[in-house]
Amino acid sequence: MNVNLPVVVVFGLAAWAAVRLLGIRPWAVALIALFGFYLADTFAAPAIDNGTRTGVDIVNNQHD
């Protein structure tokens, strides 16, 4: 069975869990999210995207 969730929902649930269960301050979560948007607009974005896709393929055992 496959479940399709938008990444925003997954990140939202992770942020809620971090604030609720780990005691992380909401401003820290907002700062990390803003840093992620900033990082996505830099030269490092393609490397991060490639590394993420490779990691997902390894976890899912989808070798080409």
PDB file of N, CA and C in Angstrom:
ATOM      1  N   MET A   1       0.842  -1.177   0.000  1.00  0.00           N
ATOM      2  CA  MET A   1       0.000   0.000   0.000  1.00  0.00           C
ATOM      3  C   MET A   1       0.888   1.243   0.000  1.00  0.00           C
ATOM      4  N   ASN A   2       0.628   2.159  -0.899  1.00  0.00           N
ATOM      5  CA  ASN A   2       1.379   3.414  -0.981  1.00  0.00           C
ATOM      6  C   ASN A   2       0.506   4.566  -0.507  1.00  0.00           C
ATOM      7  N   VAL A   3       1.123   5.454   0.236  1.00  0.00           N
ATOM      8  CA  VAL A   3       0.439   6.657   0.705  1.00  0.00           C
ATOM      9  C   VAL A   3       1.214   7.845   0.168  1.00  0.00           C
ATOM     10  N   ASN A   4       0.520   8.740  -0.500  1.00  0.00           N
ATOM     11  CA  ASN A   4       1.164   9.930  -1.050  1.00  0.00           C
ATOM     12  C   ASN A   4       0.832  11.136  -0.195  1.00  0.00           C
ATOM     13  N   LEU A   5       1.858  11.726   0.408  1.00  0.00           N
ATOM     14  CA  LEU A   5       1.695  12.935   1.209  1.00  0.00           C
ATOM     15  C   LEU A   5       2.606  14.019   0.657  1.00  0.00           C
ATOM     16  N   PRO A   6       2.108  15.235   0.613  1.00  0.00           N
ATOM     17  CA  PRO A   6       3.015  16.320   0.216  1.00  0.00           C
ATOM     18  C   PRO A   6       4.127  16.478   1.249  1.00  0.00           C
ATOM     19  N   VAL A   7       5.304  16.878   0.793  1.00  0.00           N
ATOM     20  CA  VAL A   7       6.448  17.052   1.681  1.00  0.00           C
ATOM     21  C   VAL A   7       6.151  18.106   2.741  1.00  0.00           C
ATOM     22  N   VAL A   8       5.339  19.101   2.388  1.00  0.00           N
ATOM     23  CA  VAL A   8       4.997  20.152   3.352  1.00  0.00           C
ATOM     24  C   VAL A   8       4.258  19.561   4.547  1.00  0.00           C
ATOM     25  N   VAL A   9       3.391  18.594   4.307  1.00  0.00           N
ATOM     26  CA  VAL A   9       2.654  17.953   5.405  1.00  0.00           C
ATOM     27  C   VAL A   9       3.618  17.175   6.298  1.00  0.00           C
ATOM     28  N   VAL A  10       4.531  16.455   5.701  1.00  0.00           N
ATOM     29  CA  VAL A  10       5.506  15.680   6.468  1.00  0.00           C
ATOM     30  C   VAL A  10       6.375  16.612   7.316  1.00  0.00           C
ATOM     31  N   PHE A  11       6.870  17.699   6.706  1.00  0.00           N
ATOM     32  CA  PHE A  11       7.688  18.655   7.454  1.00  0.00           C
ATOM     33  C   PHE A  11       6.876  19.350   8.535  1.00  0.00           C
ATOM     34  N   GLY A  12       5.615  19.635   8.249  1.00  0.00           N
ATOM     35  CA  GLY A  12       4.753  20.249   9.258  1.00  0.00           C
ATOM     36  C   GLY A  12       4.556  19.345  10.456  1.00  0.00           C
ATOM     37  N   LEU A  13       4.336  18.076  10.210  1.00  0.00           N
ATOM     38  CA  LEU A  13       4.189  17.119  11.315  1.00  0.00           C
ATOM     39  C   LEU A  13       5.489  16.966  12.102  1.00  0.00           C
ATOM     40  N   ALA A  14       6.608  16.966  11.404  1.00  0.00           N
ATOM     41  CA  ALA A  14       7.898  16.880  12.085  1.00  0.00           C
ATOM     42  C   ALA A  14       8.144  18.125  12.931  1.00  0.00           C
ATOM     43  N   ALA A  15       7.790  19.294  12.408  1.00  0.00           N
ATOM     44  CA  ALA A  15       7.959  20.532  13.173  1.00  0.00           C
ATOM     45  C   ALA A  15       7.044  20.537  14.390  1.00  0.00           C
ATOM     46  N   TRP A  16       5.811  20.103  14.212  1.00  0.00           N
ATOM     47  CA  TRP A  16       4.881  20.040  15.348  1.00  0.00           C
ATOM     48  C   TRP A  16       5.414  19.087  16.424  1.00  0.00           C
ATOM     49  N   ALA A  17       5.925  17.938  16.006  1.00  0.00           N
ATOM     50  CA  ALA A  17       6.474  16.979  16.965  1.00  0.00           C
ATOM     51  C   ALA A  17       7.702  17.552  17.672  1.00  0.00           C
ATOM     52  N   ALA A  18       8.532  18.276  16.941  1.00  0.00           N
ATOM     53  CA  ALA A  18       9.721  18.866  17.556  1.00  0.00           C
ATOM     54  C   ALA A  18       9.349  19.903  18.605  1.00  0.00           C
ATOM     55  N   VAL A  19       8.344  20.714  18.304  1.00  0.00           N
ATOM     56  CA  VAL A  19       7.907  21.731  19.262  1.00  0.00           C
ATOM     57  C   VAL A  19       7.212  21.080  20.443  1.00  0.00           C
ATOM     58  N   ARG A  20       6.351  20.153  20.157  1.00  0.00           N
ATOM     59  CA  ARG A  20       5.522  19.546  21.205  1.00  0.00           C
ATOM     60  C   ARG A  20       6.304  18.560  22.083  1.00  0.00           C
ATOM     61  N   LEU A  21       7.055  17.674  21.462  1.00  0.00           N
ATOM     62  CA  LEU A  21       7.675  16.584  22.208  1.00  0.00           C
ATOM     63  C   LEU A  21       9.111  16.871  22.644  1.00  0.00           C
ATOM     64  N   LEU A  22       9.852  17.610  21.839  1.00  0.00           N
ATOM     65  CA  LEU A  22      11.248  17.860  22.157  1.00  0.00           C
ATOM     66  C   LEU A  22      11.484  19.205  22.835  1.00  0.00           C
ATOM     67  N   GLY A  23      10.459  20.036  22.864  1.00  0.00           N
ATOM     68  CA  GLY A  23      10.583  21.329  23.518  1.00  0.00           C
ATOM     69  C   GLY A  23      11.372  22.353  22.722  1.00  0.00           C
ATOM     70  N   ILE A  24      11.457  22.166  21.399  1.00  0.00           N
ATOM     71  CA  ILE A  24      12.153  23.140  20.557  1.00  0.00           C
ATOM     72  C   ILE A  24      11.262  24.372  20.430  1.00  0.00           C
ATOM     73  N   ARG A  25      11.861  25.530  20.505  1.00  0.00           N
ATOM     74  CA  ARG A  25      11.107  26.785  20.422  1.00  0.00           C
ATOM     75  C   ARG A  25      10.555  26.984  19.002  1.00  0.00           C
ATOM     76  N   PRO A  26       9.337  27.499  18.885  1.00  0.00           N
ATOM     77  CA  PRO A  26       8.763  27.739  17.545  1.00  0.00           C
ATOM     78  C   PRO A  26       9.607  28.692  16.695  1.00  0.00           C
ATOM     79  N   TRP A  27      10.279  29.671  17.314  1.00  0.00           N
ATOM     80  CA  TRP A  27      11.108  30.583  16.529  1.00  0.00           C
ATOM     81  C   TRP A  27      12.286  29.836  15.904  1.00  0.00           C
ATOM     82  N   ALA A  28      12.780  28.793  16.584  1.00  0.00           N
ATOM     83  CA  ALA A  28      13.885  28.008  16.024  1.00  0.00           C
ATOM     84  C   ALA A  28      13.409  27.210  14.808  1.00  0.00           C
ATOM     85  N   VAL A  29      12.200  26.691  14.880  1.00  0.00           N
ATOM     86  CA  VAL A  29      11.634  25.961  13.742  1.00  0.00           C
ATOM     87  C   VAL A  29      11.473  26.908  12.557  1.00  0.00           C
ATOM     88  N   ALA A  30      10.959  28.119  12.816  1.00  0.00           N
ATOM     89  CA  ALA A  30      10.798  29.107  11.746  1.00  0.00           C
ATOM     90  C   ALA A  30      12.145  29.501  11.155  1.00  0.00           C
ATOM     91  N   LEU A  31      13.155  29.655  11.989  1.00  0.00           N
ATOM     92  CA  LEU A  31      14.489  30.015  11.518  1.00  0.00           C
ATOM     93  C   LEU A  31      15.077  28.914  10.634  1.00  0.00           C
ATOM     94  N   ILE A  32      14.901  27.675  11.035  1.00  0.00           N
ATOM     95  CA  ILE A  32      15.400  26.552  10.238  1.00  0.00           C
ATOM     96  C   ILE A  32      14.686  26.488   8.889  1.00  0.00           C
ATOM     97  N   ALA A  33      13.363  26.722   8.884  1.00  0.00           N
ATOM     98  CA  ALA A  33      12.607  26.722   7.627  1.00  0.00           C
ATOM     99  C   ALA A  33      13.078  27.850   6.711  1.00  0.00           C
ATOM    100  N   LEU A  34      13.286  29.039   7.268  1.00  0.00           N
ATOM    101  CA  LEU A  34      13.760  30.156   6.454  1.00  0.00           C
ATOM    102  C   LEU A  34      15.158  29.886   5.908  1.00  0.00           C
ATOM    103  N   PHE A  35      16.019  29.279   6.721  1.00  0.00           N
ATOM    104  CA  PHE A  35      17.347  28.925   6.250  1.00  0.00           C
ATOM    105  C   PHE A  35      17.263  27.906   5.106  1.00  0.00           C
ATOM    106  N   GLY A  36      16.320  26.990   5.190  1.00  0.00           N
ATOM    107  CA  GLY A  36      16.138  26.013   4.116  1.00  0.00           C
ATOM    108  C   GLY A  36      15.741  26.672   2.808  1.00  0.00           C
ATOM    109  N   PHE A  37      14.841  27.664   2.884  1.00  0.00           N
ATOM    110  CA  PHE A  37      14.459  28.397   1.676  1.00  0.00           C
ATOM    111  C   PHE A  37      15.640  29.189   1.124  1.00  0.00           C
ATOM    112  N   TYR A  38      16.436  29.769   2.013  1.00  0.00           N
ATOM    113  CA  TYR A  38      17.625  30.504   1.578  1.00  0.00           C
ATOM    114  C   TYR A  38      18.625  29.558   0.911  1.00  0.00           C
ATOM    115  N   LEU A  39      18.831  28.400   1.504  1.00  0.00           N
ATOM    116  CA  LEU A  39      19.779  27.438   0.971  1.00  0.00           C
ATOM    117  C   LEU A  39      19.336  26.902  -0.387  1.00  0.00           C
ATOM    118  N   ALA A  40      18.028  26.812  -0.602  1.00  0.00           N
ATOM    119  CA  ALA A  40      17.514  26.302  -1.871  1.00  0.00           C
ATOM    120  C   ALA A  40      17.814  27.238  -3.033  1.00  0.00           C
ATOM    121  N   ASP A  41      18.182  28.492  -2.728  1.00  0.00           N
ATOM    122  CA  ASP A  41      18.468  29.464  -3.777  1.00  0.00           C
ATOM    123  C   ASP A  41      19.969  29.671  -3.983  1.00  0.00           C
ATOM    124  N   THR A  42      20.787  28.772  -3.462  1.00  0.00           N
ATOM    125  CA  THR A  42      22.234  28.908  -3.592  1.00  0.00           C
ATOM    126  C   THR A  42      22.787  27.868  -4.557  1.00  0.00           C
ATOM    127  N   PHE A  43      24.089  27.926  -4.760  1.00  0.00           N
ATOM    128  CA  PHE A  43      24.751  26.965  -5.644  1.00  0.00           C
ATOM    129  C   PHE A  43      24.738  25.548  -5.073  1.00  0.00           C
ATOM    130  N   ALA A  44      24.468  25.405  -3.768  1.00  0.00           N
ATOM    131  CA  ALA A  44      24.473  24.086  -3.130  1.00  0.00           C
ATOM    132  C   ALA A  44      23.185  23.302  -3.375  1.00  0.00           C
ATOM    133  N   ALA A  45      22.160  23.955  -3.883  1.00  0.00           N
ATOM    134  CA  ALA A  45      20.866  23.298  -4.065  1.00  0.00           C
ATOM    135  C   ALA A  45      20.938  22.058  -4.968  1.00  0.00           C
ATOM    136  N   PRO A  46      21.610  22.095  -6.131  1.00  0.00           N
ATOM    137  CA  PRO A  46      21.673  20.880  -6.961  1.00  0.00           C
ATOM    138  C   PRO A  46      22.371  19.716  -6.262  1.00  0.00           C
ATOM    139  N   ALA A  47      23.415  20.012  -5.503  1.00  0.00           N
ATOM    140  CA  ALA A  47      24.115  18.939  -4.786  1.00  0.00           C
ATOM    141  C   ALA A  47      23.236  18.343  -3.703  1.00  0.00           C
ATOM    142  N   ILE A  48      22.492  19.188  -3.006  1.00  0.00           N
ATOM    143  CA  ILE A  48      21.589  18.707  -1.961  1.00  0.00           C
ATOM    144  C   ILE A  48      20.474  17.864  -2.585  1.00  0.00           C
ATOM    145  N   ASP A  49      19.930  18.340  -3.716  1.00  0.00           N
ATOM    146  CA  ASP A  49      18.867  17.608  -4.396  1.00  0.00           C
ATOM    147  C   ASP A  49      19.362  16.244  -4.874  1.00  0.00           C
ATOM    148  N   ASN A  50      20.538  16.214  -5.465  1.00  0.00           N
ATOM    149  CA  ASN A  50      21.104  14.955  -5.955  1.00  0.00           C
ATOM    150  C   ASN A  50      21.372  13.998  -4.793  1.00  0.00           C
ATOM    151  N   GLY A  51      21.922  14.508  -3.708  1.00  0.00           N
ATOM    152  CA  GLY A  51      22.193  13.663  -2.546  1.00  0.00           C
ATOM    153  C   GLY A  51      20.924  13.117  -1.922  1.00  0.00           C
ATOM    154  N   THR A  52      19.897  13.948  -1.880  1.00  0.00           N
ATOM    155  CA  THR A  52      18.613  13.501  -1.327  1.00  0.00           C
ATOM    156  C   THR A  52      17.991  12.417  -2.193  1.00  0.00           C
ATOM    157  N   ARG A  53      18.010  12.634  -3.507  1.00  0.00           N
ATOM    158  CA  ARG A  53      17.441  11.625  -4.412  1.00  0.00           C
ATOM    159  C   ARG A  53      18.218  10.309  -4.341  1.00  0.00           C
ATOM    160  N   THR A  54      19.526  10.394  -4.250  1.00  0.00           N
ATOM    161  CA  THR A  54      20.347   9.188  -4.125  1.00  0.00           C
ATOM    162  C   THR A  54      20.032   8.456  -2.829  1.00  0.00           C
ATOM    163  N   GLY A  55      19.906   9.206  -1.740  1.00  0.00           N
ATOM    164  CA  GLY A  55      19.569   8.592  -0.454  1.00  0.00           C
ATOM    165  C   GLY A  55      18.216   7.910  -0.478  1.00  0.00           C
ATOM    166  N   VAL A  56      17.237   8.548  -1.110  1.00  0.00           N
ATOM    167  CA  VAL A  56      15.903   7.941  -1.212  1.00  0.00           C
ATOM    168  C   VAL A  56      15.958   6.686  -2.057  1.00  0.00           C
ATOM    169  N   ASP A  57      16.702   6.730  -3.166  1.00  0.00           N
ATOM    170  CA  ASP A  57      16.837   5.534  -4.009  1.00  0.00           C
ATOM    171  C   ASP A  57      17.508   4.392  -3.256  1.00  0.00           C
ATOM    172  N   ILE A  58      18.504   4.697  -2.435  1.00  0.00           N
ATOM    173  CA  ILE A  58      19.176   3.649  -1.646  1.00  0.00           C
ATOM    174  C   ILE A  58      18.207   3.042  -0.639  1.00  0.00           C
ATOM    175  N   VAL A  59      17.440   3.905   0.032  1.00  0.00           N
ATOM    176  CA  VAL A  59      16.479   3.401   1.024  1.00  0.00           C
ATOM    177  C   VAL A  59      15.407   2.550   0.347  1.00  0.00           C
ATOM    178  N   ASN A  60      14.974   2.955  -0.838  1.00  0.00           N
ATOM    179  CA  ASN A  60      13.921   2.230  -1.548  1.00  0.00           C
ATOM    180  C   ASN A  60      14.461   1.086  -2.397  1.00  0.00           C
ATOM    181  N   ASN A  61      15.765   0.876  -2.398  1.00  0.00           N
ATOM    182  CA  ASN A  61      16.418  -0.173  -3.203  1.00  0.00           C
ATOM    183  C   ASN A  61      16.089  -0.071  -4.680  1.00  0.00           C
ATOM    184  N   GLN A  62      16.158   1.137  -5.212  1.00  0.00           N
ATOM    185  CA  GLN A  62      15.886   1.358  -6.636  1.00  0.00           C
ATOM    186  C   GLN A  62      17.171   1.731  -7.332  1.00  0.00           C
ATOM    187  N   HIS A  63      18.054   0.760  -7.519  1.00  0.00           N
ATOM    188  CA  HIS A  63      19.317   1.012  -8.189  1.00  0.00           C
ATOM    189  C   HIS A  63      19.111   0.928  -9.687  1.00  0.00           C
ATOM    190  N   ASP A  64      19.734   1.850 -10.415  1.00  0.00           N
ATOM    191  CA  ASP A  64      19.611   1.841 -11.893  1.00  0.00           C
ATOM    192  C   ASP A  64      20.582   0.882 -12.510  1.00  0.00           C
TER     193      ASP A  64
END
